[in-house]
Amino acid sequence: MITVQVKNGNFDAAWKKFKQKVAKSGLPSEVKNKREFIKPGVKKRNAKKEAIKNSRKAAKRERNAV
């Protein structure tokens, strides 16, 4: 369970810290993924597409850096 202490009545700072901790824990993406069932073949296909996209991005960054 994620907890944050409110110091000196500064709720806004505590709320911001809480949102950061929740996002870092990966909970929102986990909830998004569990909304509907995705077939294993579709998962594999999407992962492959994502890997190709990431490798292209990395190659593009490498070309631009040199």
PDB file of N, CA and C in Angstrom:
ATOM      1  N   MET A   1       0.836  -1.167   0.000  1.00  0.00           N
ATOM      2  CA  MET A   1       0.000   0.000   0.000  1.00  0.00           C
ATOM      3  C   MET A   1       0.892   1.245   0.000  1.00  0.00           C
ATOM      4  N   ILE A   2       0.526   2.207  -0.798  1.00  0.00           N
ATOM      5  CA  ILE A   2       1.303   3.431  -0.933  1.00  0.00           C
ATOM      6  C   ILE A   2       0.766   4.460   0.058  1.00  0.00           C
ATOM      7  N   THR A   3       1.675   5.023   0.853  1.00  0.00           N
ATOM      8  CA  THR A   3       1.275   6.043   1.809  1.00  0.00           C
ATOM      9  C   THR A   3       2.174   7.262   1.667  1.00  0.00           C
ATOM     10  N   VAL A   4       1.603   8.416   1.965  1.00  0.00           N
ATOM     11  CA  VAL A   4       2.332   9.680   1.922  1.00  0.00           C
ATOM     12  C   VAL A   4       1.873  10.512   3.113  1.00  0.00           C
ATOM     13  N   GLN A   5       2.827  11.131   3.790  1.00  0.00           N
ATOM     14  CA  GLN A   5       2.478  11.982   4.922  1.00  0.00           C
ATOM     15  C   GLN A   5       2.297  13.420   4.457  1.00  0.00           C
ATOM     16  N   VAL A   6       1.262  14.074   4.975  1.00  0.00           N
ATOM     17  CA  VAL A   6       1.023  15.488   4.687  1.00  0.00           C
ATOM     18  C   VAL A   6       1.784  16.285   5.742  1.00  0.00           C
ATOM     19  N   LYS A   7       2.749  17.081   5.274  1.00  0.00           N
ATOM     20  CA  LYS A   7       3.569  17.865   6.201  1.00  0.00           C
ATOM     21  C   LYS A   7       3.136  19.326   6.158  1.00  0.00           C
ATOM     22  N   ASN A   8       2.964  19.917   7.317  1.00  0.00           N
ATOM     23  CA  ASN A   8       2.591  21.330   7.470  1.00  0.00           C
ATOM     24  C   ASN A   8       1.307  21.681   6.723  1.00  0.00           C
ATOM     25  N   GLY A   9       0.391  20.739   6.598  1.00  0.00           N
ATOM     26  CA  GLY A   9      -0.880  21.002   5.938  1.00  0.00           C
ATOM     27  C   GLY A   9      -0.754  21.230   4.434  1.00  0.00           C
ATOM     28  N   ASN A  10       0.369  20.844   3.845  1.00  0.00           N
ATOM     29  CA  ASN A  10       0.602  21.056   2.417  1.00  0.00           C
ATOM     30  C   ASN A  10       0.070  19.844   1.641  1.00  0.00           C
ATOM     31  N   PHE A  11      -1.231  19.864   1.402  1.00  0.00           N
ATOM     32  CA  PHE A  11      -1.889  18.734   0.745  1.00  0.00           C
ATOM     33  C   PHE A  11      -1.469  18.603  -0.717  1.00  0.00           C
ATOM     34  N   ASP A  12      -1.279  19.723  -1.410  1.00  0.00           N
ATOM     35  CA  ASP A  12      -0.936  19.683  -2.836  1.00  0.00           C
ATOM     36  C   ASP A  12       0.377  18.946  -3.083  1.00  0.00           C
ATOM     37  N   ALA A  13       1.365  19.215  -2.261  1.00  0.00           N
ATOM     38  CA  ALA A  13       2.663  18.543  -2.413  1.00  0.00           C
ATOM     39  C   ALA A  13       2.519  17.042  -2.129  1.00  0.00           C
ATOM     40  N   ALA A  14       1.731  16.714  -1.101  1.00  0.00           N
ATOM     41  CA  ALA A  14       1.515  15.305  -0.758  1.00  0.00           C
ATOM     42  C   ALA A  14       0.772  14.590  -1.886  1.00  0.00           C
ATOM     43  N   TRP A  15      -0.220  15.248  -2.479  1.00  0.00           N
ATOM     44  CA  TRP A  15      -0.983  14.667  -3.580  1.00  0.00           C
ATOM     45  C   TRP A  15      -0.068  14.404  -4.784  1.00  0.00           C
ATOM     46  N   LYS A  16       0.797  15.355  -5.094  1.00  0.00           N
ATOM     47  CA  LYS A  16       1.737  15.213  -6.204  1.00  0.00           C
ATOM     48  C   LYS A  16       2.680  14.027  -5.950  1.00  0.00           C
ATOM     49  N   LYS A  17       3.187  13.927  -4.733  1.00  0.00           N
ATOM     50  CA  LYS A  17       4.090  12.830  -4.371  1.00  0.00           C
ATOM     51  C   LYS A  17       3.366  11.482  -4.470  1.00  0.00           C
ATOM     52  N   PHE A  18       2.097  11.457  -4.027  1.00  0.00           N
ATOM     53  CA  PHE A  18       1.304  10.231  -4.092  1.00  0.00           C
ATOM     54  C   PHE A  18       1.117   9.784  -5.545  1.00  0.00           C
ATOM     55  N   LYS A  19       0.766  10.730  -6.426  1.00  0.00           N
ATOM     56  CA  LYS A  19       0.570  10.403  -7.839  1.00  0.00           C
ATOM     57  C   LYS A  19       1.854   9.868  -8.460  1.00  0.00           C
ATOM     58  N   GLN A  20       2.992  10.442  -8.092  1.00  0.00           N
ATOM     59  CA  GLN A  20       4.275   9.973  -8.608  1.00  0.00           C
ATOM     60  C   GLN A  20       4.549   8.542  -8.158  1.00  0.00           C
ATOM     61  N   LYS A  21       4.296   8.254  -6.894  1.00  0.00           N
ATOM     62  CA  LYS A  21       4.531   6.910  -6.366  1.00  0.00           C
ATOM     63  C   LYS A  21       3.626   5.875  -7.034  1.00  0.00           C
ATOM     64  N   VAL A  22       2.361   6.239  -7.260  1.00  0.00           N
ATOM     65  CA  VAL A  22       1.416   5.326  -7.913  1.00  0.00           C
ATOM     66  C   VAL A  22       1.875   5.042  -9.339  1.00  0.00           C
ATOM     67  N   ALA A  23       2.270   6.086 -10.068  1.00  0.00           N
ATOM     68  CA  ALA A  23       2.715   5.908 -11.452  1.00  0.00           C
ATOM     69  C   ALA A  23       3.974   5.056 -11.507  1.00  0.00           C
ATOM     70  N   LYS A  24       4.880   5.266 -10.581  1.00  0.00           N
ATOM     71  CA  LYS A  24       6.138   4.513 -10.560  1.00  0.00           C
ATOM     72  C   LYS A  24       5.907   3.038 -10.234  1.00  0.00           C
ATOM     73  N   SER A  25       4.865   2.750  -9.460  1.00  0.00           N
ATOM     74  CA  SER A  25       4.573   1.368  -9.082  1.00  0.00           C
ATOM     75  C   SER A  25       4.019   0.558 -10.254  1.00  0.00           C
ATOM     76  N   GLY A  26       3.517   1.239 -11.296  1.00  0.00           N
ATOM     77  CA  GLY A  26       2.994   0.536 -12.462  1.00  0.00           C
ATOM     78  C   GLY A  26       1.540   0.126 -12.326  1.00  0.00           C
ATOM     79  N   LEU A  27       0.871   0.577 -11.327  1.00  0.00           N
ATOM     80  CA  LEU A  27      -0.514   0.194 -11.092  1.00  0.00           C
ATOM     81  C   LEU A  27      -1.464   0.643 -12.204  1.00  0.00           C
ATOM     82  N   PRO A  28      -1.373   1.884 -12.702  1.00  0.00           N
ATOM     83  CA  PRO A  28      -2.311   2.300 -13.765  1.00  0.00           C
ATOM     84  C   PRO A  28      -2.202   1.455 -15.032  1.00  0.00           C
ATOM     85  N   SER A  29      -0.986   1.125 -15.441  1.00  0.00           N
ATOM     86  CA  SER A  29      -0.837   0.313 -16.649  1.00  0.00           C
ATOM     87  C   SER A  29      -1.333  -1.108 -16.422  1.00  0.00           C
ATOM     88  N   GLU A  30      -1.170  -1.618 -15.205  1.00  0.00           N
ATOM     89  CA  GLU A  30      -1.656  -2.956 -14.887  1.00  0.00           C
ATOM     90  C   GLU A  30      -3.187  -3.001 -14.961  1.00  0.00           C
ATOM     91  N   VAL A  31      -3.832  -1.985 -14.435  1.00  0.00           N
ATOM     92  CA  VAL A  31      -5.296  -1.906 -14.479  1.00  0.00           C
ATOM     93  C   VAL A  31      -5.757  -1.801 -15.928  1.00  0.00           C
ATOM     94  N   LYS A  32      -5.067  -0.983 -16.711  1.00  0.00           N
ATOM     95  CA  LYS A  32      -5.418  -0.806 -18.122  1.00  0.00           C
ATOM     96  C   LYS A  32      -5.313  -2.134 -18.871  1.00  0.00           C
ATOM     97  N   ASN A  33      -4.264  -2.905 -18.581  1.00  0.00           N
ATOM     98  CA  ASN A  33      -4.067  -4.180 -19.269  1.00  0.00           C
ATOM     99  C   ASN A  33      -5.105  -5.233 -18.864  1.00  0.00           C
ATOM    100  N   LYS A  34      -5.639  -5.139 -17.671  1.00  0.00           N
ATOM    101  CA  LYS A  34      -6.580  -6.150 -17.187  1.00  0.00           C
ATOM    102  C   LYS A  34      -8.038  -5.810 -17.486  1.00  0.00           C
ATOM    103  N   ARG A  35      -8.284  -4.722 -18.214  1.00  0.00           N
ATOM    104  CA  ARG A  35      -9.660  -4.360 -18.537  1.00  0.00           C
ATOM    105  C   ARG A  35     -10.317  -5.394 -19.432  1.00  0.00           C
ATOM    106  N   GLU A  36      -9.550  -5.928 -20.360  1.00  0.00           N
ATOM    107  CA  GLU A  36     -10.110  -6.913 -21.273  1.00  0.00           C
ATOM    108  C   GLU A  36      -9.070  -8.000 -21.541  1.00  0.00           C
ATOM    109  N   PHE A  37      -9.551  -9.171 -21.922  1.00  0.00           N
ATOM    110  CA  PHE A  37      -8.656 -10.282 -22.214  1.00  0.00           C
ATOM    111  C   PHE A  37      -8.042 -10.104 -23.593  1.00  0.00           C
ATOM    112  N   ILE A  38      -6.740 -10.278 -23.654  1.00  0.00           N
ATOM    113  CA  ILE A  38      -6.036 -10.216 -24.933  1.00  0.00           C
ATOM    114  C   ILE A  38      -5.446 -11.592 -25.189  1.00  0.00           C
ATOM    115  N   LYS A  39      -5.718 -12.121 -26.363  1.00  0.00           N
ATOM    116  CA  LYS A  39      -5.233 -13.447 -26.709  1.00  0.00           C
ATOM    117  C   LYS A  39      -3.705 -13.481 -26.683  1.00  0.00           C
ATOM    118  N   PRO A  40      -3.131 -14.643 -26.328  1.00  0.00           N
ATOM    119  CA  PRO A  40      -1.676 -14.749 -26.271  1.00  0.00           C
ATOM    120  C   PRO A  40      -0.988 -14.410 -27.595  1.00  0.00           C
ATOM    121  N   GLY A  41      -1.593 -14.806 -28.710  1.00  0.00           N
ATOM    122  CA  GLY A  41      -0.996 -14.511 -30.010  1.00  0.00           C
ATOM    123  C   GLY A  41      -0.965 -13.019 -30.296  1.00  0.00           C
ATOM    124  N   VAL A  42      -2.026 -12.330 -29.873  1.00  0.00           N
ATOM    125  CA  VAL A  42      -2.097 -10.884 -30.077  1.00  0.00           C
ATOM    126  C   VAL A  42      -1.072 -10.188 -29.182  1.00  0.00           C
ATOM    127  N   LYS A  43      -0.916 -10.672 -27.946  1.00  0.00           N
ATOM    128  CA  LYS A  43       0.087 -10.112 -27.039  1.00  0.00           C
ATOM    129  C   LYS A  43       1.475 -10.228 -27.657  1.00  0.00           C
ATOM    130  N   LYS A  44       1.754 -11.420 -28.189  1.00  0.00           N
ATOM    131  CA  LYS A  44       3.061 -11.678 -28.789  1.00  0.00           C
ATOM    132  C   LYS A  44       3.284 -10.757 -29.991  1.00  0.00           C
ATOM    133  N   ARG A  45       2.270 -10.595 -30.803  1.00  0.00           N
ATOM    134  CA  ARG A  45       2.357  -9.743 -31.993  1.00  0.00           C
ATOM    135  C   ARG A  45       2.608  -8.285 -31.600  1.00  0.00           C
ATOM    136  N   ASN A  46       1.866  -7.823 -30.590  1.00  0.00           N
ATOM    137  CA  ASN A  46       2.042  -6.451 -30.129  1.00  0.00           C
ATOM    138  C   ASN A  46       3.428  -6.229 -29.535  1.00  0.00           C
ATOM    139  N   ALA A  47       3.924  -7.214 -28.794  1.00  0.00           N
ATOM    140  CA  ALA A  47       5.257  -7.104 -28.213  1.00  0.00           C
ATOM    141  C   ALA A  47       6.317  -7.037 -29.312  1.00  0.00           C
ATOM    142  N   LYS A  48       6.129  -7.825 -30.362  1.00  0.00           N
ATOM    143  CA  LYS A  48       7.080  -7.821 -31.474  1.00  0.00           C
ATOM    144  C   LYS A  48       7.074  -6.465 -32.185  1.00  0.00           C
ATOM    145  N   LYS A  49       5.873  -5.912 -32.411  1.00  0.00           N
ATOM    146  CA  LYS A  49       5.760  -4.590 -33.032  1.00  0.00           C
ATOM    147  C   LYS A  49       6.453  -3.530 -32.173  1.00  0.00           C
ATOM    148  N   GLU A  50       6.247  -3.601 -30.875  1.00  0.00           N
ATOM    149  CA  GLU A  50       6.851  -2.648 -29.951  1.00  0.00           C
ATOM    150  C   GLU A  50       8.380  -2.754 -29.974  1.00  0.00           C
ATOM    151  N   ALA A  51       8.884  -3.976 -30.018  1.00  0.00           N
ATOM    152  CA  ALA A  51      10.336  -4.181 -30.065  1.00  0.00           C
ATOM    153  C   ALA A  51      10.923  -3.611 -31.347  1.00  0.00           C
ATOM    154  N   ILE A  52      10.249  -3.815 -32.461  1.00  0.00           N
ATOM    155  CA  ILE A  52      10.724  -3.270 -33.738  1.00  0.00           C
ATOM    156  C   ILE A  52      10.727  -1.744 -33.682  1.00  0.00           C
ATOM    157  N   LYS A  53       9.653  -1.178 -33.138  1.00  0.00           N
ATOM    158  CA  LYS A  53       9.551   0.281 -33.036  1.00  0.00           C
ATOM    159  C   LYS A  53      10.673   0.847 -32.161  1.00  0.00           C
ATOM    160  N   ASN A  54      10.937   0.173 -31.031  1.00  0.00           N
ATOM    161  CA  ASN A  54      11.984   0.645 -30.122  1.00  0.00           C
ATOM    162  C   ASN A  54      13.370   0.519 -30.747  1.00  0.00           C
ATOM    163  N   SER A  55      13.608  -0.547 -31.500  1.00  0.00           N
ATOM    164  CA  SER A  55      14.919  -0.709 -32.131  1.00  0.00           C
ATOM    165  C   SER A  55      15.129   0.344 -33.222  1.00  0.00           C
ATOM    166  N   ARG A  56      14.072   0.684 -33.936  1.00  0.00           N
ATOM    167  CA  ARG A  56      14.171   1.744 -34.954  1.00  0.00           C
ATOM    168  C   ARG A  56      14.455   3.095 -34.307  1.00  0.00           C
ATOM    169  N   LYS A  57      13.780   3.357 -33.189  1.00  0.00           N
ATOM    170  CA  LYS A  57      14.018   4.606 -32.472  1.00  0.00           C
ATOM    171  C   LYS A  57      15.470   4.682 -31.992  1.00  0.00           C
ATOM    172  N   ALA A  58      15.968   3.578 -31.443  1.00  0.00           N
ATOM    173  CA  ALA A  58      17.341   3.549 -30.938  1.00  0.00           C
ATOM    174  C   ALA A  58      18.336   3.759 -32.077  1.00  0.00           C
ATOM    175  N   ALA A  59      18.089   3.135 -33.217  1.00  0.00           N
ATOM    176  CA  ALA A  59      18.982   3.297 -34.363  1.00  0.00           C
ATOM    177  C   ALA A  59      18.958   4.744 -34.861  1.00  0.00           C
ATOM    178  N   LYS A  60      17.783   5.338 -34.852  1.00  0.00           N
ATOM    179  CA  LYS A  60      17.657   6.728 -35.296  1.00  0.00           C
ATOM    180  C   LYS A  60      18.406   7.659 -34.346  1.00  0.00           C
ATOM    181  N   ARG A  61      18.273   7.423 -33.044  1.00  0.00           N
ATOM    182  CA  ARG A  61      18.993   8.234 -32.054  1.00  0.00           C
ATOM    183  C   ARG A  61      20.494   8.081 -32.227  1.00  0.00           C
ATOM    184  N   GLU A  62      20.928   6.853 -32.492  1.00  0.00           N
ATOM    185  CA  GLU A  62      22.366   6.577 -32.658  1.00  0.00           C
ATOM    186  C   GLU A  62      22.906   7.294 -33.882  1.00  0.00           C
ATOM    187  N   ARG A  63      22.142   7.283 -34.989  1.00  0.00           N
ATOM    188  CA  ARG A  63      22.575   7.973 -36.217  1.00  0.00           C
ATOM    189  C   ARG A  63      22.672   9.483 -35.991  1.00  0.00           C
ATOM    190  N   ASN A  64      21.713  10.042 -35.257  1.00  0.00           N
ATOM    191  CA  ASN A  64      21.697  11.477 -35.002  1.00  0.00           C
ATOM    192  C   ASN A  64      22.787  11.909 -34.019  1.00  0.00           C
ATOM    193  N   ALA A  65      23.173  11.025 -33.123  1.00  0.00           N
ATOM    194  CA  ALA A  65      24.182  11.365 -32.114  1.00  0.00           C
ATOM    195  C   ALA A  65      25.582  11.429 -32.715  1.00  0.00           C
ATOM    196  N   VAL A  66      25.813  10.661 -33.750  1.00  0.00           N
ATOM    197  CA  VAL A  66      27.167  10.601 -34.340  1.00  0.00           C
ATOM    198  C   VAL A  66      27.402  11.700 -35.302  1.00  0.00           C
TER     199      VAL A  66
END
